[in-house]
Amino acid sequence: MNRLMGSAVVMSALVLTLSACQKQEGPAEKAGKEIDQASEKAAEQLKEAADKLGQQLEKAGEKMQDASKDKDR
């Protein structure tokens, strides 16, 4: 039991020490995070636009095939 209490005290001290060592974000870190978020958002928007374009191209291709079949009749 003493060993368990000793381990708990050591772990608590370690957690407190490590949490006190963390630095506050500076302007470069904040700017970097904002750039990352903006690039992720842009990538998602590009993916959505590409998906929509793909769907529209597929519909256009189907219409062309239908028009070609109608012409052959």
Foldseek 3Di string as FASTA:
>chain_A
DVVVVVVVVVVVVVVVVVVVPDDDDDPVNVVVVVVVVVVVVVVVVVVVVVVVVVVVVVVVVVVVVVVVVVVVD
